[in-house]
């Protein structure tokens, strides 16, 4: 296996580990049944643009992973990590959303993480997982 193939395998293994760490069982610690939550996962290898205020950022692809759960008030909450990449760097965004009448409100977000190498990206991904698993206090806290 060449080096590029090894890095692809390493990235996929890290995503699998991340999905396991964001398992609904984690939320059973707060007394909510695991069936209340759905895992989120999406993969895109197509270029896209993100419009943020007056800037436009272009990415080559993305992976989205997280959990979605229905709160006691009937609103959906998402614990989401976006792993984005372009030719120069990896960007990881970590956000907790709640559904509202006009779409989604950001309940908690963390500063974007940037890395130049896959190894750095995987360390940042682990930190993002830690951030989300530390947010279980948000679930049902505003009901």
C-alpha atoms as a PDB file:
ATOM      1  CA  UNK A   1       0.000   0.000   0.000  1.00  0.00           C
ATOM      2  CA  UNK A   2       1.429   3.395  -0.953  1.00  0.00           C
ATOM      3  CA  UNK A   3       1.568   6.352   1.464  1.00  0.00           C
ATOM      4  CA  UNK A   4      -1.505   8.094   0.028  1.00  0.00           C
ATOM      5  CA  UNK A   5      -3.571   4.918   0.437  1.00  0.00           C
ATOM      6  CA  UNK A   6      -2.357   4.523   4.011  1.00  0.00           C
ATOM      7  CA  UNK A   7      -3.468   8.065   4.792  1.00  0.00           C
ATOM      8  CA  UNK A   8      -6.914   7.416   3.324  1.00  0.00           C
ATOM      9  CA  UNK A   9      -7.226   4.308   5.490  1.00  0.00           C
ATOM     10  CA  UNK A  10      -6.017   6.278   8.528  1.00  0.00           C
ATOM     11  CA  UNK A  11      -8.621   8.999   7.877  1.00  0.00           C
ATOM     12  CA  UNK A  12     -11.444   6.469   7.491  1.00  0.00           C
ATOM     13  CA  UNK A  13     -10.423   4.658  10.680  1.00  0.00           C
ATOM     14  CA  UNK A  14     -10.398   7.981  12.561  1.00  0.00           C
ATOM     15  CA  UNK A  15     -13.890   8.785  11.281  1.00  0.00           C
ATOM     16  CA  UNK A  16     -15.137   5.395  12.443  1.00  0.00           C
ATOM     17  CA  UNK A  17     -13.626   5.940  15.890  1.00  0.00           C
ATOM     18  CA  UNK A  18     -15.201   9.405  16.020  1.00  0.00           C
ATOM     19  CA  UNK A  19     -18.621   8.012  15.130  1.00  0.00           C
ATOM     20  CA  UNK A  20     -18.264   5.419  17.878  1.00  0.00           C
ATOM     21  CA  UNK A  21     -17.416   8.127  20.407  1.00  0.00           C
ATOM     22  CA  UNK A  22     -20.497  10.120  19.361  1.00  0.00           C
ATOM     23  CA  UNK A  23     -22.738   7.144  19.916  1.00  0.00           C
ATOM     24  CA  UNK A  24     -26.215   7.733  21.365  1.00  0.00           C
ATOM     25  CA  UNK A  25     -25.232   5.605  24.392  1.00  0.00           C
ATOM     26  CA  UNK A  26     -23.203   8.595  25.543  1.00  0.00           C
ATOM     27  CA  UNK A  27     -26.444  10.461  26.185  1.00  0.00           C
ATOM     28  CA  UNK A  28     -27.897   7.707  28.314  1.00  0.00           C
ATOM     29  CA  UNK A  29     -25.717   9.243  31.014  1.00  0.00           C
ATOM     30  CA  UNK A  30     -28.240  12.083  31.225  1.00  0.00           C
ATOM     31  CA  UNK A  31     -31.182   9.743  31.451  1.00  0.00           C
ATOM     32  CA  UNK A  32     -32.282   9.834  27.829  1.00  0.00           C
ATOM     33  CA  UNK A  33     -32.725   6.550  25.965  1.00  0.00           C
ATOM     34  CA  UNK A  34     -30.306   5.940  23.108  1.00  0.00           C
ATOM     35  CA  UNK A  35     -33.253   5.551  20.721  1.00  0.00           C
ATOM     36  CA  UNK A  36     -33.934   9.285  21.182  1.00  0.00           C
ATOM     37  CA  UNK A  37     -30.855  10.038  19.076  1.00  0.00           C
ATOM     38  CA  UNK A  38     -29.857   9.469  15.454  1.00  0.00           C
ATOM     39  CA  UNK A  39     -26.285   9.427  14.210  1.00  0.00           C
ATOM     40  CA  UNK A  40     -25.465  11.975  11.506  1.00  0.00           C
ATOM     41  CA  UNK A  41     -22.984  11.222   8.747  1.00  0.00           C
ATOM     42  CA  UNK A  42     -22.442  12.764   5.343  1.00  0.00           C
ATOM     43  CA  UNK A  43     -19.599  12.715   2.835  1.00  0.00           C
ATOM     44  CA  UNK A  44     -19.042  14.952  -0.155  1.00  0.00           C
ATOM     45  CA  UNK A  45     -16.035  14.892  -2.444  1.00  0.00           C
ATOM     46  CA  UNK A  46     -17.336  17.700  -4.617  1.00  0.00           C
ATOM     47  CA  UNK A  47     -16.127  21.313  -4.438  1.00  0.00           C
ATOM     48  CA  UNK A  48     -18.480  23.817  -2.811  1.00  0.00           C
ATOM     49  CA  UNK A  49     -18.521  27.371  -1.473  1.00  0.00           C
ATOM     50  CA  UNK A  50     -19.464  28.657   1.969  1.00  0.00           C
ATOM     51  CA  UNK A  51     -20.712  32.239   2.211  1.00  0.00           C
ATOM     52  CA  UNK A  52     -19.898  33.747   5.591  1.00  0.00           C
ATOM     53  CA  UNK A  53     -20.830  37.421   5.955  1.00  0.00           C
ATOM     54  CA  UNK A  54     -18.833  39.116   3.195  1.00  0.00           C
ATOM     55  CA  UNK A  55     -16.343  36.315   2.567  1.00  0.00           C
ATOM     56  CA  UNK A  56     -16.615  33.234   0.403  1.00  0.00           C
ATOM     57  CA  UNK A  57     -14.588  30.142   1.259  1.00  0.00           C
ATOM     58  CA  UNK A  58     -14.094  27.299  -1.182  1.00  0.00           C
ATOM     59  CA  UNK A  59     -13.629  23.691  -0.108  1.00  0.00           C
ATOM     60  CA  UNK A  60     -12.844  20.528  -2.056  1.00  0.00           C
ATOM     61  CA  UNK A  61     -14.961  18.240   0.111  1.00  0.00           C
ATOM     62  CA  UNK A  62     -16.408  17.568   3.529  1.00  0.00           C
ATOM     63  CA  UNK A  63     -17.450  15.017   6.096  1.00  0.00           C
ATOM     64  CA  UNK A  64     -20.247  15.770   8.528  1.00  0.00           C
ATOM     65  CA  UNK A  65     -20.699  13.671  11.634  1.00  0.00           C
ATOM     66  CA  UNK A  66     -22.639  14.016  14.830  1.00  0.00           C
ATOM     67  CA  UNK A  67     -25.850  13.203  16.654  1.00  0.00           C
ATOM     68  CA  UNK A  68     -29.376  14.499  16.360  1.00  0.00           C
ATOM     69  CA  UNK A  69     -31.912  14.135  19.140  1.00  0.00           C
ATOM     70  CA  UNK A  70     -35.439  15.177  19.951  1.00  0.00           C
ATOM     71  CA  UNK A  71     -35.744  17.162  23.159  1.00  0.00           C
ATOM     72  CA  UNK A  72     -38.656  16.914  25.566  1.00  0.00           C
ATOM     73  CA  UNK A  73     -40.043  20.183  24.150  1.00  0.00           C
ATOM     74  CA  UNK A  74     -40.234  18.571  20.699  1.00  0.00           C
ATOM     75  CA  UNK A  75     -37.357  20.575  19.228  1.00  0.00           C
ATOM     76  CA  UNK A  76     -34.518  18.791  17.492  1.00  0.00           C
ATOM     77  CA  UNK A  77     -30.947  19.428  18.624  1.00  0.00           C
ATOM     78  CA  UNK A  78     -27.861  18.524  16.577  1.00  0.00           C
ATOM     79  CA  UNK A  79     -24.323  18.022  17.841  1.00  0.00           C
ATOM     80  CA  UNK A  80     -22.312  18.413  14.632  1.00  0.00           C
ATOM     81  CA  UNK A  81     -18.712  18.332  13.426  1.00  0.00           C
ATOM     82  CA  UNK A  82     -17.833  19.491   9.924  1.00  0.00           C
ATOM     83  CA  UNK A  83     -14.486  18.317   8.553  1.00  0.00           C
ATOM     84  CA  UNK A  84     -13.729  20.438   5.478  1.00  0.00           C
ATOM     85  CA  UNK A  85     -10.691  20.405   3.223  1.00  0.00           C
ATOM     86  CA  UNK A  86      -9.109  22.243   0.330  1.00  0.00           C
ATOM     87  CA  UNK A  87      -5.687  22.067  -1.305  1.00  0.00           C
ATOM     88  CA  UNK A  88      -3.992  23.904   1.571  1.00  0.00           C
ATOM     89  CA  UNK A  89      -5.554  22.822   4.831  1.00  0.00           C
ATOM     90  CA  UNK A  90      -8.174  21.004   6.871  1.00  0.00           C
ATOM     91  CA  UNK A  91     -10.839  22.998   8.716  1.00  0.00           C
ATOM     92  CA  UNK A  92     -12.955  21.555  11.517  1.00  0.00           C
ATOM     93  CA  UNK A  93     -16.095  23.306  12.711  1.00  0.00           C
ATOM     94  CA  UNK A  94     -17.913  22.164  15.855  1.00  0.00           C
ATOM     95  CA  UNK A  95     -21.466  23.404  16.430  1.00  0.00           C
ATOM     96  CA  UNK A  96     -24.528  22.566  18.514  1.00  0.00           C
ATOM     97  CA  UNK A  97     -27.776  23.565  16.770  1.00  0.00           C
ATOM     98  CA  UNK A  98     -31.404  23.642  17.831  1.00  0.00           C
ATOM     99  CA  UNK A  99     -34.372  23.775  15.484  1.00  0.00           C
ATOM    100  CA  UNK A 100     -36.453  26.918  15.706  1.00  0.00           C
ATOM    101  CA  UNK A 101     -39.323  28.478  13.759  1.00  0.00           C
ATOM    102  CA  UNK A 102     -36.946  30.175  11.307  1.00  0.00           C
ATOM    103  CA  UNK A 103     -34.532  27.262  10.760  1.00  0.00           C
ATOM    104  CA  UNK A 104     -31.739  26.509  13.196  1.00  0.00           C
ATOM    105  CA  UNK A 105     -30.197  28.509  16.040  1.00  0.00           C
ATOM    106  CA  UNK A 106     -26.613  28.021  17.120  1.00  0.00           C
ATOM    107  CA  UNK A 107     -26.687  27.033  20.787  1.00  0.00           C
ATOM    108  CA  UNK A 108     -22.927  26.608  21.183  1.00  0.00           C
ATOM    109  CA  UNK A 109     -20.060  26.813  18.733  1.00  0.00           C
ATOM    110  CA  UNK A 110     -16.337  26.390  19.075  1.00  0.00           C
ATOM    111  CA  UNK A 111     -13.568  28.223  17.228  1.00  0.00           C
ATOM    112  CA  UNK A 112     -12.671  26.722  13.870  1.00  0.00           C
ATOM    113  CA  UNK A 113      -9.680  24.424  13.979  1.00  0.00           C
ATOM    114  CA  UNK A 114      -7.157  24.445  11.131  1.00  0.00           C
ATOM    115  CA  UNK A 115      -4.388  22.027  10.304  1.00  0.00           C
ATOM    116  CA  UNK A 116      -1.957  21.498   7.472  1.00  0.00           C
ATOM    117  CA  UNK A 117      -1.452  17.746   7.795  1.00  0.00           C
ATOM    118  CA  UNK A 118      -3.667  14.723   8.233  1.00  0.00           C
ATOM    119  CA  UNK A 119      -2.018  13.920  11.550  1.00  0.00           C
ATOM    120  CA  UNK A 120      -2.821  17.400  12.888  1.00  0.00           C
ATOM    121  CA  UNK A 121      -6.360  17.103  11.523  1.00  0.00           C
ATOM    122  CA  UNK A 122      -6.937  13.860  13.416  1.00  0.00           C
ATOM    123  CA  UNK A 123      -5.738  15.451  16.665  1.00  0.00           C
ATOM    124  CA  UNK A 124      -8.108  18.374  16.037  1.00  0.00           C
ATOM    125  CA  UNK A 125     -10.942  15.943  15.264  1.00  0.00           C
ATOM    126  CA  UNK A 126     -10.379  14.245  18.625  1.00  0.00           C
ATOM    127  CA  UNK A 127     -10.580  17.658  20.322  1.00  0.00           C
ATOM    128  CA  UNK A 128     -13.834  18.419  18.494  1.00  0.00           C
ATOM    129  CA  UNK A 129     -15.310  15.119  19.700  1.00  0.00           C
ATOM    130  CA  UNK A 130     -14.307  16.039  23.260  1.00  0.00           C
ATOM    131  CA  UNK A 131     -16.012  19.410  22.851  1.00  0.00           C
ATOM    132  CA  UNK A 132     -19.288  17.834  21.721  1.00  0.00           C
ATOM    133  CA  UNK A 133     -19.356  15.111  24.333  1.00  0.00           C
ATOM    134  CA  UNK A 134     -18.841  17.857  26.902  1.00  0.00           C
ATOM    135  CA  UNK A 135     -22.030  19.571  25.720  1.00  0.00           C
ATOM    136  CA  UNK A 136     -24.552  17.070  26.970  1.00  0.00           C
ATOM    137  CA  UNK A 137     -25.524  19.633  29.589  1.00  0.00           C
ATOM    138  CA  UNK A 138     -27.232  21.571  26.784  1.00  0.00           C
ATOM    139  CA  UNK A 139     -29.701  18.828  25.977  1.00  0.00           C
ATOM    140  CA  UNK A 140     -33.061  19.725  27.514  1.00  0.00           C
ATOM    141  CA  UNK A 141     -31.407  22.510  29.544  1.00  0.00           C
ATOM    142  CA  UNK A 142     -33.508  25.197  27.877  1.00  0.00           C
ATOM    143  CA  UNK A 143     -36.841  23.326  28.039  1.00  0.00           C
END
